[in-house]
Amino acid sequence: VASVAVGSDRLDAVAVAAADAAREALRETTGQLPELARAGVVDAGGMGLYLVLDALAALASGRAGSGVPEPSGDRGPARGRDALVAARESGS
C-alpha cells in the first residue's frame, strides 16, 4: 500500500498509505513493550497518531474510517476497564 504513495502528489493516496502503515505499526506495539503485552493494549500515543491519520485518510479519500485496530499477538482483543481492575485487585 505504501508503494502507491511513492512519488504521488495526491493527498488521498498518501493519506491512505500513511494510515495503513500506522495501523500496522500500532498493532505491533503490543509486542514491543512488556507492559503493553501484559495489559493486552496498544501504545496510547501511537493510537492517537493513527486516529488522526485515519481521519485524514477518510476525509481525503471519501472512505469510511477503519476504526480501532486490535493488538497483535495471541492475547486477543484488548481487555476493558472492568477486566483490568479485576486483575489489579486480584494481585495479578
PDB file of N, CA and C in Angstrom:
ATOM      1  N   VAL A   1       0.824  -1.191   0.000  1.00  0.00           N
ATOM      2  CA  VAL A   1       0.000   0.000   0.000  1.00  0.00           C
ATOM      3  C   VAL A   1       0.864   1.250   0.000  1.00  0.00           C
ATOM      4  N   ALA A   2       1.940   1.264   0.802  1.00  0.00           N
ATOM      5  CA  ALA A   2       2.793   2.438   0.871  1.00  0.00           C
ATOM      6  C   ALA A   2       3.417   2.740  -0.476  1.00  0.00           C
ATOM      7  N   SER A   3       3.633   1.712  -1.320  1.00  0.00           N
ATOM      8  CA  SER A   3       4.233   1.947  -2.621  1.00  0.00           C
ATOM      9  C   SER A   3       3.315   2.764  -3.521  1.00  0.00           C
ATOM     10  N   VAL A   4       2.016   2.758  -3.253  1.00  0.00           N
ATOM     11  CA  VAL A   4       1.078   3.561  -4.017  1.00  0.00           C
ATOM     12  C   VAL A   4       1.384   5.038  -3.833  1.00  0.00           C
ATOM     13  N   ALA A   5       1.810   5.430  -2.641  1.00  0.00           N
ATOM     14  CA  ALA A   5       2.051   6.837  -2.337  1.00  0.00           C
ATOM     15  C   ALA A   5       3.419   7.317  -2.794  1.00  0.00           C
ATOM     16  N   VAL A   6       4.334   6.418  -3.110  1.00  0.00           N
ATOM     17  CA  VAL A   6       5.681   6.831  -3.520  1.00  0.00           C
ATOM     18  C   VAL A   6       5.582   7.629  -4.812  1.00  0.00           C
ATOM     19  N   GLY A   7       6.068   8.849  -4.758  1.00  0.00           N
ATOM     20  CA  GLY A   7       6.040   9.701  -5.930  1.00  0.00           C
ATOM     21  C   GLY A   7       4.686  10.306  -6.235  1.00  0.00           C
ATOM     22  N   SER A   8       3.696  10.029  -5.423  1.00  0.00           N
ATOM     23  CA  SER A   8       2.365  10.554  -5.673  1.00  0.00           C
ATOM     24  C   SER A   8       2.243  11.970  -5.123  1.00  0.00           C
ATOM     25  N   ASP A   9       1.516  12.803  -5.847  1.00  0.00           N
ATOM     26  CA  ASP A   9       1.224  14.134  -5.349  1.00  0.00           C
ATOM     27  C   ASP A   9      -0.242  14.236  -4.938  1.00  0.00           C
ATOM     28  N   ARG A  10      -0.890  13.096  -4.817  1.00  0.00           N
ATOM     29  CA  ARG A  10      -2.303  13.059  -4.433  1.00  0.00           C
ATOM     30  C   ARG A  10      -2.429  12.856  -2.927  1.00  0.00           C
ATOM     31  N   LEU A  11      -3.082  13.791  -2.274  1.00  0.00           N
ATOM     32  CA  LEU A  11      -3.257  13.727  -0.827  1.00  0.00           C
ATOM     33  C   LEU A  11      -3.991  12.458  -0.416  1.00  0.00           C
ATOM     34  N   ASP A  12      -5.005  12.062  -1.164  1.00  0.00           N
ATOM     35  CA  ASP A  12      -5.767  10.877  -0.774  1.00  0.00           C
ATOM     36  C   ASP A  12      -4.899   9.624  -0.763  1.00  0.00           C
ATOM     37  N   ALA A  13      -4.053   9.441  -1.774  1.00  0.00           N
ATOM     38  CA  ALA A  13      -3.200   8.249  -1.834  1.00  0.00           C
ATOM     39  C   ALA A  13      -2.171   8.249  -0.707  1.00  0.00           C
ATOM     40  N   VAL A  14      -1.577   9.405  -0.455  1.00  0.00           N
ATOM     41  CA  VAL A  14      -0.567   9.499   0.600  1.00  0.00           C
ATOM     42  C   VAL A  14      -1.212   9.294   1.970  1.00  0.00           C
ATOM     43  N   ALA A  15      -2.370   9.894   2.201  1.00  0.00           N
ATOM     44  CA  ALA A  15      -3.049   9.777   3.496  1.00  0.00           C
ATOM     45  C   ALA A  15      -3.475   8.338   3.773  1.00  0.00           C
ATOM     46  N   VAL A  16      -4.008   7.669   2.771  1.00  0.00           N
ATOM     47  CA  VAL A  16      -4.420   6.263   2.941  1.00  0.00           C
ATOM     48  C   VAL A  16      -3.207   5.386   3.222  1.00  0.00           C
ATOM     49  N   ALA A  17      -2.120   5.595   2.494  1.00  0.00           N
ATOM     50  CA  ALA A  17      -0.904   4.805   2.724  1.00  0.00           C
ATOM     51  C   ALA A  17      -0.349   5.053   4.127  1.00  0.00           C
ATOM     52  N   ALA A  18      -0.350   6.310   4.572  1.00  0.00           N
ATOM     53  CA  ALA A  18       0.152   6.633   5.910  1.00  0.00           C
ATOM     54  C   ALA A  18      -0.721   6.006   6.990  1.00  0.00           C
ATOM     55  N   ALA A  19      -2.032   6.072   6.832  1.00  0.00           N
ATOM     56  CA  ALA A  19      -2.943   5.485   7.821  1.00  0.00           C
ATOM     57  C   ALA A  19      -2.794   3.965   7.871  1.00  0.00           C
ATOM     58  N   ASP A  20      -2.667   3.332   6.715  1.00  0.00           N
ATOM     59  CA  ASP A  20      -2.499   1.876   6.685  1.00  0.00           C
ATOM     60  C   ASP A  20      -1.189   1.459   7.359  1.00  0.00           C
ATOM     61  N   ALA A  21      -0.112   2.194   7.093  1.00  0.00           N
ATOM     62  CA  ALA A  21       1.181   1.880   7.715  1.00  0.00           C
ATOM     63  C   ALA A  21       1.128   2.112   9.219  1.00  0.00           C
ATOM     64  N   ALA A  22       0.458   3.184   9.633  1.00  0.00           N
ATOM     65  CA  ALA A  22       0.333   3.477  11.068  1.00  0.00           C
ATOM     66  C   ALA A  22      -0.478   2.394  11.771  1.00  0.00           C
ATOM     67  N   ARG A  23      -1.506   1.897  11.107  1.00  0.00           N
ATOM     68  CA  ARG A  23      -2.335   0.825  11.685  1.00  0.00           C
ATOM     69  C   ARG A  23      -1.494  -0.417  11.960  1.00  0.00           C
ATOM     70  N   GLU A  24      -0.678  -0.803  10.990  1.00  0.00           N
ATOM     71  CA  GLU A  24       0.171  -1.987  11.174  1.00  0.00           C
ATOM     72  C   GLU A  24       1.223  -1.755  12.256  1.00  0.00           C
ATOM     73  N   ALA A  25       1.833  -0.591  12.266  1.00  0.00           N
ATOM     74  CA  ALA A  25       2.831  -0.277  13.290  1.00  0.00           C
ATOM     75  C   ALA A  25       2.199  -0.264  14.672  1.00  0.00           C
ATOM     76  N   LEU A  26       0.995   0.266  14.779  1.00  0.00           N
ATOM     77  CA  LEU A  26       0.296   0.318  16.063  1.00  0.00           C
ATOM     78  C   LEU A  26       0.011  -1.084  16.597  1.00  0.00           C
ATOM     79  N   ARG A  27      -0.427  -1.980  15.742  1.00  0.00           N
ATOM     80  CA  ARG A  27      -0.716  -3.354  16.170  1.00  0.00           C
ATOM     81  C   ARG A  27       0.525  -4.022  16.745  1.00  0.00           C
ATOM     82  N   GLU A  28       1.689  -3.662  16.237  1.00  0.00           N
ATOM     83  CA  GLU A  28       2.933  -4.280  16.683  1.00  0.00           C
ATOM     84  C   GLU A  28       3.428  -3.728  18.023  1.00  0.00           C
ATOM     85  N   THR A  29       2.906  -2.596  18.486  1.00  0.00           N
ATOM     86  CA  THR A  29       3.409  -2.010  19.734  1.00  0.00           C
ATOM     87  C   THR A  29       3.153  -2.913  20.938  1.00  0.00           C
ATOM     88  N   THR A  30       2.125  -3.729  20.880  1.00  0.00           N
ATOM     89  CA  THR A  30       1.828  -4.619  21.995  1.00  0.00           C
ATOM     90  C   THR A  30       2.989  -5.569  22.271  1.00  0.00           C
ATOM     91  N   GLY A  31       3.640  -6.031  21.233  1.00  0.00           N
ATOM     92  CA  GLY A  31       4.761  -6.948  21.392  1.00  0.00           C
ATOM     93  C   GLY A  31       6.086  -6.268  21.647  1.00  0.00           C
ATOM     94  N   GLN A  32       6.127  -4.941  21.579  1.00  0.00           N
ATOM     95  CA  GLN A  32       7.383  -4.227  21.737  1.00  0.00           C
ATOM     96  C   GLN A  32       7.677  -3.831  23.175  1.00  0.00           C
ATOM     97  N   LEU A  33       6.650  -3.715  23.995  1.00  0.00           N
ATOM     98  CA  LEU A  33       6.827  -3.345  25.400  1.00  0.00           C
ATOM     99  C   LEU A  33       6.133  -4.357  26.299  1.00  0.00           C
ATOM    100  N   PRO A  34       6.837  -4.910  27.288  1.00  0.00           N
ATOM    101  CA  PRO A  34       6.238  -5.916  28.157  1.00  0.00           C
ATOM    102  C   PRO A  34       4.981  -5.416  28.877  1.00  0.00           C
ATOM    103  N   GLU A  35       4.958  -4.144  29.259  1.00  0.00           N
ATOM    104  CA  GLU A  35       3.796  -3.601  29.971  1.00  0.00           C
ATOM    105  C   GLU A  35       2.554  -3.617  29.084  1.00  0.00           C
ATOM    106  N   LEU A  36       2.737  -3.284  27.823  1.00  0.00           N
ATOM    107  CA  LEU A  36       1.604  -3.304  26.903  1.00  0.00           C
ATOM    108  C   LEU A  36       1.141  -4.737  26.650  1.00  0.00           C
ATOM    109  N   ALA A  37       2.079  -5.654  26.552  1.00  0.00           N
ATOM    110  CA  ALA A  37       1.730  -7.056  26.334  1.00  0.00           C
ATOM    111  C   ALA A  37       0.938  -7.609  27.516  1.00  0.00           C
ATOM    112  N   ARG A  38       1.393  -7.292  28.738  1.00  0.00           N
ATOM    113  CA  ARG A  38       0.667  -7.771  29.927  1.00  0.00           C
ATOM    114  C   ARG A  38      -0.745  -7.220  29.978  1.00  0.00           C
ATOM    115  N   ALA A  39      -0.920  -5.959  29.612  1.00  0.00           N
ATOM    116  CA  ALA A  39      -2.250  -5.346  29.652  1.00  0.00           C
ATOM    117  C   ALA A  39      -3.082  -5.695  28.426  1.00  0.00           C
ATOM    118  N   GLY A  40      -2.435  -6.191  27.364  1.00  0.00           N
ATOM    119  CA  GLY A  40      -3.162  -6.525  26.139  1.00  0.00           C
ATOM    120  C   GLY A  40      -3.657  -5.297  25.401  1.00  0.00           C
ATOM    121  N   VAL A  41      -2.874  -4.213  25.438  1.00  0.00           N
ATOM    122  CA  VAL A  41      -3.273  -2.960  24.813  1.00  0.00           C
ATOM    123  C   VAL A  41      -2.188  -2.480  23.855  1.00  0.00           C
ATOM    124  N   VAL A  42      -2.509  -1.443  23.083  1.00  0.00           N
ATOM    125  CA  VAL A  42      -1.552  -0.812  22.188  1.00  0.00           C
ATOM    126  C   VAL A  42      -1.064   0.484  22.811  1.00  0.00           C
ATOM    127  N   ASP A  43      -0.002   1.052  22.246  1.00  0.00           N
ATOM    128  CA  ASP A  43       0.563   2.303  22.726  1.00  0.00           C
ATOM    129  C   ASP A  43      -0.427   3.447  22.527  1.00  0.00           C
ATOM    130  N   ALA A  44      -0.674   4.234  23.583  1.00  0.00           N
ATOM    131  CA  ALA A  44      -1.677   5.298  23.528  1.00  0.00           C
ATOM    132  C   ALA A  44      -1.288   6.417  22.576  1.00  0.00           C
ATOM    133  N   GLY A  45      -0.026   6.823  22.597  1.00  0.00           N
ATOM    134  CA  GLY A  45       0.418   7.874  21.681  1.00  0.00           C
ATOM    135  C   GLY A  45       0.328   7.434  20.237  1.00  0.00           C
ATOM    136  N   GLY A  46       0.711   6.193  19.994  1.00  0.00           N
ATOM    137  CA  GLY A  46       0.592   5.634  18.651  1.00  0.00           C
ATOM    138  C   GLY A  46      -0.864   5.568  18.205  1.00  0.00           C
ATOM    139  N   MET A  47      -1.751   5.259  19.147  1.00  0.00           N
ATOM    140  CA  MET A  47      -3.182   5.216  18.832  1.00  0.00           C
ATOM    141  C   MET A  47      -3.675   6.600  18.423  1.00  0.00           C
ATOM    142  N   GLY A  48      -3.225   7.627  19.158  1.00  0.00           N
ATOM    143  CA  GLY A  48      -3.645   8.989  18.823  1.00  0.00           C
ATOM    144  C   GLY A  48      -3.202   9.387  17.430  1.00  0.00           C
ATOM    145  N   LEU A  49      -1.943   9.100  17.109  1.00  0.00           N
ATOM    146  CA  LEU A  49      -1.430   9.435  15.777  1.00  0.00           C
ATOM    147  C   LEU A  49      -2.176   8.645  14.711  1.00  0.00           C
ATOM    148  N   TYR A  50      -2.411   7.370  14.954  1.00  0.00           N
ATOM    149  CA  TYR A  50      -3.148   6.556  13.988  1.00  0.00           C
ATOM    150  C   TYR A  50      -4.542   7.128  13.741  1.00  0.00           C
ATOM    151  N   LEU A  51      -5.241   7.534  14.805  1.00  0.00           N
ATOM    152  CA  LEU A  51      -6.600   8.059  14.645  1.00  0.00           C
ATOM    153  C   LEU A  51      -6.617   9.341  13.821  1.00  0.00           C
ATOM    154  N   VAL A  52      -5.614  10.200  14.027  1.00  0.00           N
ATOM    155  CA  VAL A  52      -5.519  11.432  13.230  1.00  0.00           C
ATOM    156  C   VAL A  52      -5.283  11.080  11.759  1.00  0.00           C
ATOM    157  N   LEU A  53      -4.340  10.171  11.491  1.00  0.00           N
ATOM    158  CA  LEU A  53      -4.057   9.784  10.112  1.00  0.00           C
ATOM    159  C   LEU A  53      -5.244   9.078   9.462  1.00  0.00           C
ATOM    160  N   ASP A  54      -5.946   8.249  10.221  1.00  0.00           N
ATOM    161  CA  ASP A  54      -7.109   7.548   9.688  1.00  0.00           C
ATOM    162  C   ASP A  54      -8.227   8.535   9.362  1.00  0.00           C
ATOM    163  N   ALA A  55      -8.406   9.548  10.212  1.00  0.00           N
ATOM    164  CA  ALA A  55      -9.422  10.567   9.938  1.00  0.00           C
ATOM    165  C   ALA A  55      -9.061  11.376   8.690  1.00  0.00           C
ATOM    166  N   LEU A  56      -7.780  11.720   8.545  1.00  0.00           N
ATOM    167  CA  LEU A  56      -7.331  12.430   7.346  1.00  0.00           C
ATOM    168  C   LEU A  56      -7.564  11.579   6.102  1.00  0.00           C
ATOM    169  N   ALA A  57      -7.228  10.306   6.181  1.00  0.00           N
ATOM    170  CA  ALA A  57      -7.427   9.405   5.038  1.00  0.00           C
ATOM    171  C   ALA A  57      -8.911   9.297   4.684  1.00  0.00           C
ATOM    172  N   ALA A  58      -9.760   9.212   5.691  1.00  0.00           N
ATOM    173  CA  ALA A  58     -11.199   9.117   5.447  1.00  0.00           C
ATOM    174  C   ALA A  58     -11.719  10.396   4.785  1.00  0.00           C
ATOM    175  N   LEU A  59     -11.265  11.538   5.271  1.00  0.00           N
ATOM    176  CA  LEU A  59     -11.701  12.810   4.717  1.00  0.00           C
ATOM    177  C   LEU A  59     -11.193  13.009   3.291  1.00  0.00           C
ATOM    178  N   ALA A  60      -9.916  12.716   3.057  1.00  0.00           N
ATOM    179  CA  ALA A  60      -9.307  12.962   1.748  1.00  0.00           C
ATOM    180  C   ALA A  60      -9.780  11.986   0.679  1.00  0.00           C
ATOM    181  N   SER A  61     -10.047  10.746   1.079  1.00  0.00           N
ATOM    182  CA  SER A  61     -10.376   9.725   0.083  1.00  0.00           C
ATOM    183  C   SER A  61     -11.864   9.410  -0.003  1.00  0.00           C
ATOM    184  N   GLY A  62     -12.613   9.832   0.991  1.00  0.00           N
ATOM    185  CA  GLY A  62     -14.042   9.518   1.000  1.00  0.00           C
ATOM    186  C   GLY A  62     -14.353   8.137   1.536  1.00  0.00           C
ATOM    187  N   ARG A  63     -13.332   7.415   1.960  1.00  0.00           N
ATOM    188  CA  ARG A  63     -13.561   6.082   2.517  1.00  0.00           C
ATOM    189  C   ARG A  63     -14.026   6.211   3.970  1.00  0.00           C
ATOM    190  N   ALA A  64     -14.638   5.171   4.460  1.00  0.00           N
ATOM    191  CA  ALA A  64     -15.026   5.145   5.869  1.00  0.00           C
ATOM    192  C   ALA A  64     -13.774   4.955   6.717  1.00  0.00           C
ATOM    193  N   GLY A  65     -13.795   5.487   7.931  1.00  0.00           N
ATOM    194  CA  GLY A  65     -12.681   5.269   8.846  1.00  0.00           C
ATOM    195  C   GLY A  65     -12.519   3.792   9.130  1.00  0.00           C
ATOM    196  N   SER A  66     -11.299   3.384   9.392  1.00  0.00           N
ATOM    197  CA  SER A  66     -11.017   1.968   9.612  1.00  0.00           C
ATOM    198  C   SER A  66     -11.337   1.501  11.019  1.00  0.00           C
ATOM    199  N   GLY A  67     -11.431   2.418  11.953  1.00  0.00           N
ATOM    200  CA  GLY A  67     -11.718   2.032  13.319  1.00  0.00           C
ATOM    201  C   GLY A  67     -10.464   1.674  14.089  1.00  0.00           C
ATOM    202  N   VAL A  68     -10.650   1.176  15.264  1.00  0.00           N
ATOM    203  CA  VAL A  68      -9.549   0.882  16.179  1.00  0.00           C
ATOM    204  C   VAL A  68      -9.024  -0.520  15.929  1.00  0.00           C
ATOM    205  N   PRO A  69      -7.726  -0.656  15.616  1.00  0.00           N
ATOM    206  CA  PRO A  69      -7.165  -1.994  15.373  1.00  0.00           C
ATOM    207  C   PRO A  69      -6.967  -2.766  16.668  1.00  0.00           C
ATOM    208  N   GLU A  70      -7.031  -4.059  16.577  1.00  0.00           N
ATOM    209  CA  GLU A  70      -6.771  -4.926  17.716  1.00  0.00           C
ATOM    210  C   GLU A  70      -5.266  -5.103  17.882  1.00  0.00           C
ATOM    211  N   PRO A  71      -4.802  -5.293  19.105  1.00  0.00           N
ATOM    212  CA  PRO A  71      -3.378  -5.580  19.302  1.00  0.00           C
ATOM    213  C   PRO A  71      -3.003  -6.888  18.613  1.00  0.00           C
ATOM    214  N   SER A  72      -1.746  -6.992  18.187  1.00  0.00           N
ATOM    215  CA  SER A  72      -1.293  -8.241  17.581  1.00  0.00           C
ATOM    216  C   SER A  72      -0.908  -9.220  18.672  1.00  0.00           C
ATOM    217  N   GLY A  73      -0.644 -10.426  18.284  1.00  0.00           N
ATOM    218  CA  GLY A  73      -0.233 -11.439  19.259  1.00  0.00           C
ATOM    219  C   GLY A  73      -1.386 -12.349  19.614  1.00  0.00           C
ATOM    220  N   ASP A  74      -1.144 -13.237  20.562  1.00  0.00           N
ATOM    221  CA  ASP A  74      -2.142 -14.248  20.908  1.00  0.00           C
ATOM    222  C   ASP A  74      -2.952 -13.882  22.141  1.00  0.00           C
ATOM    223  N   ARG A  75      -2.860 -12.643  22.595  1.00  0.00           N
ATOM    224  CA  ARG A  75      -3.612 -12.239  23.785  1.00  0.00           C
ATOM    225  C   ARG A  75      -5.069 -11.942  23.474  1.00  0.00           C
ATOM    226  N   GLY A  76      -5.423 -11.818  22.197  1.00  0.00           N
ATOM    227  CA  GLY A  76      -6.788 -11.499  21.826  1.00  0.00           C
ATOM    228  C   GLY A  76      -7.031 -10.006  21.939  1.00  0.00           C
ATOM    229  N   PRO A  77      -8.290  -9.611  21.923  1.00  0.00           N
ATOM    230  CA  PRO A  77      -8.592  -8.188  21.964  1.00  0.00           C
ATOM    231  C   PRO A  77      -8.203  -7.558  23.302  1.00  0.00           C
ATOM    232  N   ALA A  78      -8.031  -6.253  23.280  1.00  0.00           N
ATOM    233  CA  ALA A  78      -7.683  -5.531  24.495  1.00  0.00           C
ATOM    234  C   ALA A  78      -8.766  -5.744  25.550  1.00  0.00           C
ATOM    235  N   ARG A  79      -8.333  -5.818  26.794  1.00  0.00           N
ATOM    236  CA  ARG A  79      -9.284  -6.007  27.883  1.00  0.00           C
ATOM    237  C   ARG A  79      -9.871  -4.668  28.288  1.00  0.00           C
ATOM    238  N   GLY A  80     -11.123  -4.675  28.694  1.00  0.00           N
ATOM    239  CA  GLY A  80     -11.803  -3.471  29.120  1.00  0.00           C
ATOM    240  C   GLY A  80     -11.413  -3.076  30.534  1.00  0.00           C
ATOM    241  N   ARG A  81     -11.932  -1.938  30.962  1.00  0.00           N
ATOM    242  CA  ARG A  81     -11.610  -1.393  32.277  1.00  0.00           C
ATOM    243  C   ARG A  81     -11.944  -2.375  33.395  1.00  0.00           C
ATOM    244  N   ASP A  82     -13.112  -2.986  33.341  1.00  0.00           N
ATOM    245  CA  ASP A  82     -13.520  -3.914  34.407  1.00  0.00           C
ATOM    246  C   ASP A  82     -12.550  -5.086  34.544  1.00  0.00           C
ATOM    247  N   ALA A  83     -12.095  -5.626  33.427  1.00  0.00           N
ATOM    248  CA  ALA A  83     -11.152  -6.744  33.468  1.00  0.00           C
ATOM    249  C   ALA A  83      -9.811  -6.305  34.035  1.00  0.00           C
ATOM    250  N   LEU A  84      -9.362  -5.106  33.671  1.00  0.00           N
ATOM    251  CA  LEU A  84      -8.088  -4.609  34.180  1.00  0.00           C
ATOM    252  C   LEU A  84      -8.156  -4.327  35.675  1.00  0.00           C
ATOM    253  N   VAL A  85      -9.268  -3.764  36.147  1.00  0.00           N
ATOM    254  CA  VAL A  85      -9.434  -3.505  37.577  1.00  0.00           C
ATOM    255  C   VAL A  85      -9.480  -4.820  38.345  1.00  0.00           C
ATOM    256  N   ALA A  86     -10.207  -5.814  37.820  1.00  0.00           N
ATOM    257  CA  ALA A  86     -10.293  -7.109  38.486  1.00  0.00           C
ATOM    258  C   ALA A  86      -8.912  -7.759  38.581  1.00  0.00           C
ATOM    259  N   ALA A  87      -8.128  -7.664  37.519  1.00  0.00           N
ATOM    260  CA  ALA A  87      -6.775  -8.248  37.540  1.00  0.00           C
ATOM    261  C   ALA A  87      -5.906  -7.522  38.568  1.00  0.00           C
ATOM    262  N   ARG A  88      -6.027  -6.224  38.636  1.00  0.00           N
ATOM    263  CA  ARG A  88      -5.239  -5.454  39.603  1.00  0.00           C
ATOM    264  C   ARG A  88      -5.639  -5.814  41.026  1.00  0.00           C
ATOM    265  N   GLU A  89      -6.911  -5.896  41.272  1.00  0.00           N
ATOM    266  CA  GLU A  89      -7.409  -6.194  42.620  1.00  0.00           C
ATOM    267  C   GLU A  89      -7.089  -7.610  43.063  1.00  0.00           C
ATOM    268  N   SER A  90      -6.945  -8.527  42.109  1.00  0.00           N
ATOM    269  CA  SER A  90      -6.639  -9.913  42.468  1.00  0.00           C
ATOM    270  C   SER A  90      -5.144 -10.127  42.659  1.00  0.00           C
ATOM    271  N   GLY A  91      -4.345  -9.087  42.377  1.00  0.00           N
ATOM    272  CA  GLY A  91      -2.910  -9.182  42.587  1.00  0.00           C
ATOM    273  C   GLY A  91      -2.139  -9.731  41.414  1.00  0.00           C
ATOM    274  N   SER A  92      -2.792  -9.893  40.265  1.00  0.00           N
ATOM    275  CA  SER A  92      -2.055 -10.398  39.100  1.00  0.00           C
ATOM    276  C   SER A  92      -1.582  -9.292  38.220  1.00  0.00           C
TER     277      SER A  92
END
